Structures are given as C-alpha cells and as structure tokens.
Amino acid sequence: MGVTLSNQDGVLTAALTGDIDHHTARELRLAIDEAIERDKPGLLLLDFQGVDFMDSSGTVSYTHLTL
C-alpha cells in the first residue's frame, strides 16, 4: 500500500498502489486528508491504476472527502 500525492494547477492527484483494506485504509485517508488541508485543491483525482485489491474498508474511507 502506498500513495504518491502531487498538486498541480489546483488538482490534487493521489496515485494509490498495493492493497487497500482495513489494515491500510486509515493511513491512506490521513495522508490524503493532510494534503487536502495543506493544499486546498479545487479537485481531487484518485488514481487507482496501481491498486491490486480493495475491500469495503477502502471504499468507505473515501466517502467522507469534501473539498
């Protein structure tokens, strides 16, 4: 599990990799939340291309996001 964050022209991109499950979802959510708070993007792009597996914990962890 990992996340690479980049912010360009008001678009925060979170490139996710590995498995997202109940063991890793909280850590990913916190990293993305911190970047949103710091960068104040107008748009959040979640890139799941590198994700091998995601359970319902991973899905639910992104439903709270508000920009």
C-alpha atoms as a PDB file:
ATOM      1  CA  MET A   1       0.000   0.000   0.000  1.00  0.00           C
ATOM      2  CA  GLY A   2       1.199   3.449  -0.819  1.00  0.00           C
ATOM      3  CA  VAL A   3       0.140   6.859  -2.022  1.00  0.00           C
ATOM      4  CA  THR A   4       2.001   9.426  -4.068  1.00  0.00           C
ATOM      5  CA  LEU A   5       0.498  12.899  -3.848  1.00  0.00           C
ATOM      6  CA  SER A   6       1.018  15.705  -6.332  1.00  0.00           C
ATOM      7  CA  ASN A   7      -0.676  19.064  -6.684  1.00  0.00           C
ATOM      8  CA  GLN A   8      -0.689  20.891  -9.986  1.00  0.00           C
ATOM      9  CA  ASP A   9      -2.925  23.758 -11.043  1.00  0.00           C
ATOM     10  CA  GLY A  10      -5.373  23.159  -8.175  1.00  0.00           C
ATOM     11  CA  VAL A  11      -5.702  19.427  -8.871  1.00  0.00           C
ATOM     12  CA  LEU A  12      -4.509  17.110  -6.109  1.00  0.00           C
ATOM     13  CA  THR A  13      -3.703  13.696  -7.533  1.00  0.00           C
ATOM     14  CA  ALA A  14      -3.410  10.715  -5.198  1.00  0.00           C
ATOM     15  CA  ALA A  15      -1.814   7.780  -7.020  1.00  0.00           C
ATOM     16  CA  LEU A  16      -2.644   4.716  -4.920  1.00  0.00           C
ATOM     17  CA  THR A  17      -0.740   1.431  -5.034  1.00  0.00           C
ATOM     18  CA  GLY A  18      -0.927  -2.018  -3.476  1.00  0.00           C
ATOM     19  CA  ASP A  19      -3.768  -3.355  -1.330  1.00  0.00           C
ATOM     20  CA  ILE A  20      -6.319  -1.093   0.348  1.00  0.00           C
ATOM     21  CA  ASP A  21      -8.064  -2.867   3.186  1.00  0.00           C
ATOM     22  CA  HIS A  22      -8.927  -2.399   6.851  1.00  0.00           C
ATOM     23  CA  HIS A  23      -5.212  -2.501   7.699  1.00  0.00           C
ATOM     24  CA  THR A  24      -4.195   0.321   5.344  1.00  0.00           C
ATOM     25  CA  ALA A  25      -7.281   2.454   4.598  1.00  0.00           C
ATOM     26  CA  ARG A  26      -6.898   4.739   7.629  1.00  0.00           C
ATOM     27  CA  GLU A  27      -3.278   5.593   6.822  1.00  0.00           C
ATOM     28  CA  LEU A  28      -4.150   6.427   3.221  1.00  0.00           C
ATOM     29  CA  ARG A  29      -7.126   8.530   4.299  1.00  0.00           C
ATOM     30  CA  LEU A  30      -4.989  10.518   6.742  1.00  0.00           C
ATOM     31  CA  ALA A  31      -2.314  11.214   4.111  1.00  0.00           C
ATOM     32  CA  ILE A  32      -4.933  12.442   1.636  1.00  0.00           C
ATOM     33  CA  ASP A  33      -6.745  14.486   4.319  1.00  0.00           C
ATOM     34  CA  GLU A  34      -3.477  16.209   5.297  1.00  0.00           C
ATOM     35  CA  ALA A  35      -2.736  17.088   1.668  1.00  0.00           C
ATOM     36  CA  ILE A  36      -6.255  18.471   1.184  1.00  0.00           C
ATOM     37  CA  GLU A  37      -5.955  20.597   4.314  1.00  0.00           C
ATOM     38  CA  ARG A  38      -2.490  21.849   3.324  1.00  0.00           C
ATOM     39  CA  ASP A  39      -3.029  22.431  -0.413  1.00  0.00           C
ATOM     40  CA  LYS A  40      -6.742  23.350  -0.562  1.00  0.00           C
ATOM     41  CA  PRO A  41      -7.235  21.871  -4.056  1.00  0.00           C
ATOM     42  CA  GLY A  42     -10.257  22.576  -6.206  1.00  0.00           C
ATOM     43  CA  LEU A  43     -10.308  18.978  -7.445  1.00  0.00           C
ATOM     44  CA  LEU A  44      -9.168  15.626  -6.064  1.00  0.00           C
ATOM     45  CA  LEU A  45      -8.196  12.892  -8.511  1.00  0.00           C
ATOM     46  CA  LEU A  46      -7.899   9.384  -7.071  1.00  0.00           C
ATOM     47  CA  ASP A  47      -5.793   7.196  -9.350  1.00  0.00           C
ATOM     48  CA  PHE A  48      -6.468   3.507  -8.634  1.00  0.00           C
ATOM     49  CA  GLN A  49      -4.349   2.122 -11.503  1.00  0.00           C
ATOM     50  CA  GLY A  50      -1.748   0.699  -9.118  1.00  0.00           C
ATOM     51  CA  VAL A  51      -4.251  -0.865  -6.697  1.00  0.00           C
ATOM     52  CA  ASP A  52      -4.199  -4.658  -6.682  1.00  0.00           C
ATOM     53  CA  PHE A  53      -7.010  -5.204  -4.173  1.00  0.00           C
ATOM     54  CA  MET A  54      -9.533  -3.061  -2.288  1.00  0.00           C
ATOM     55  CA  ASP A  55     -12.142  -4.240   0.194  1.00  0.00           C
ATOM     56  CA  SER A  56     -15.130  -2.307   1.527  1.00  0.00           C
ATOM     57  CA  SER A  57     -12.940  -0.558   4.116  1.00  0.00           C
ATOM     58  CA  GLY A  58     -11.047   1.054   1.281  1.00  0.00           C
ATOM     59  CA  THR A  59     -14.212   2.123  -0.484  1.00  0.00           C
ATOM     60  CA  VAL A  60     -15.756   3.668   2.628  1.00  0.00           C
ATOM     61  CA  SER A  61     -12.578   5.576   3.518  1.00  0.00           C
ATOM     62  CA  TYR A  62     -13.097   7.941   0.553  1.00  0.00           C
ATOM     63  CA  THR A  63     -16.777   8.739   1.053  1.00  0.00           C
ATOM     64  CA  HIS A  64     -16.088  11.447   3.663  1.00  0.00           C
ATOM     65  CA  LEU A  65     -13.886  13.624   1.442  1.00  0.00           C
ATOM     66  CA  THR A  66     -15.021  17.212   0.969  1.00  0.00           C
ATOM     67  CA  LEU A  67     -13.069  19.863  -0.901  1.00  0.00           C
END
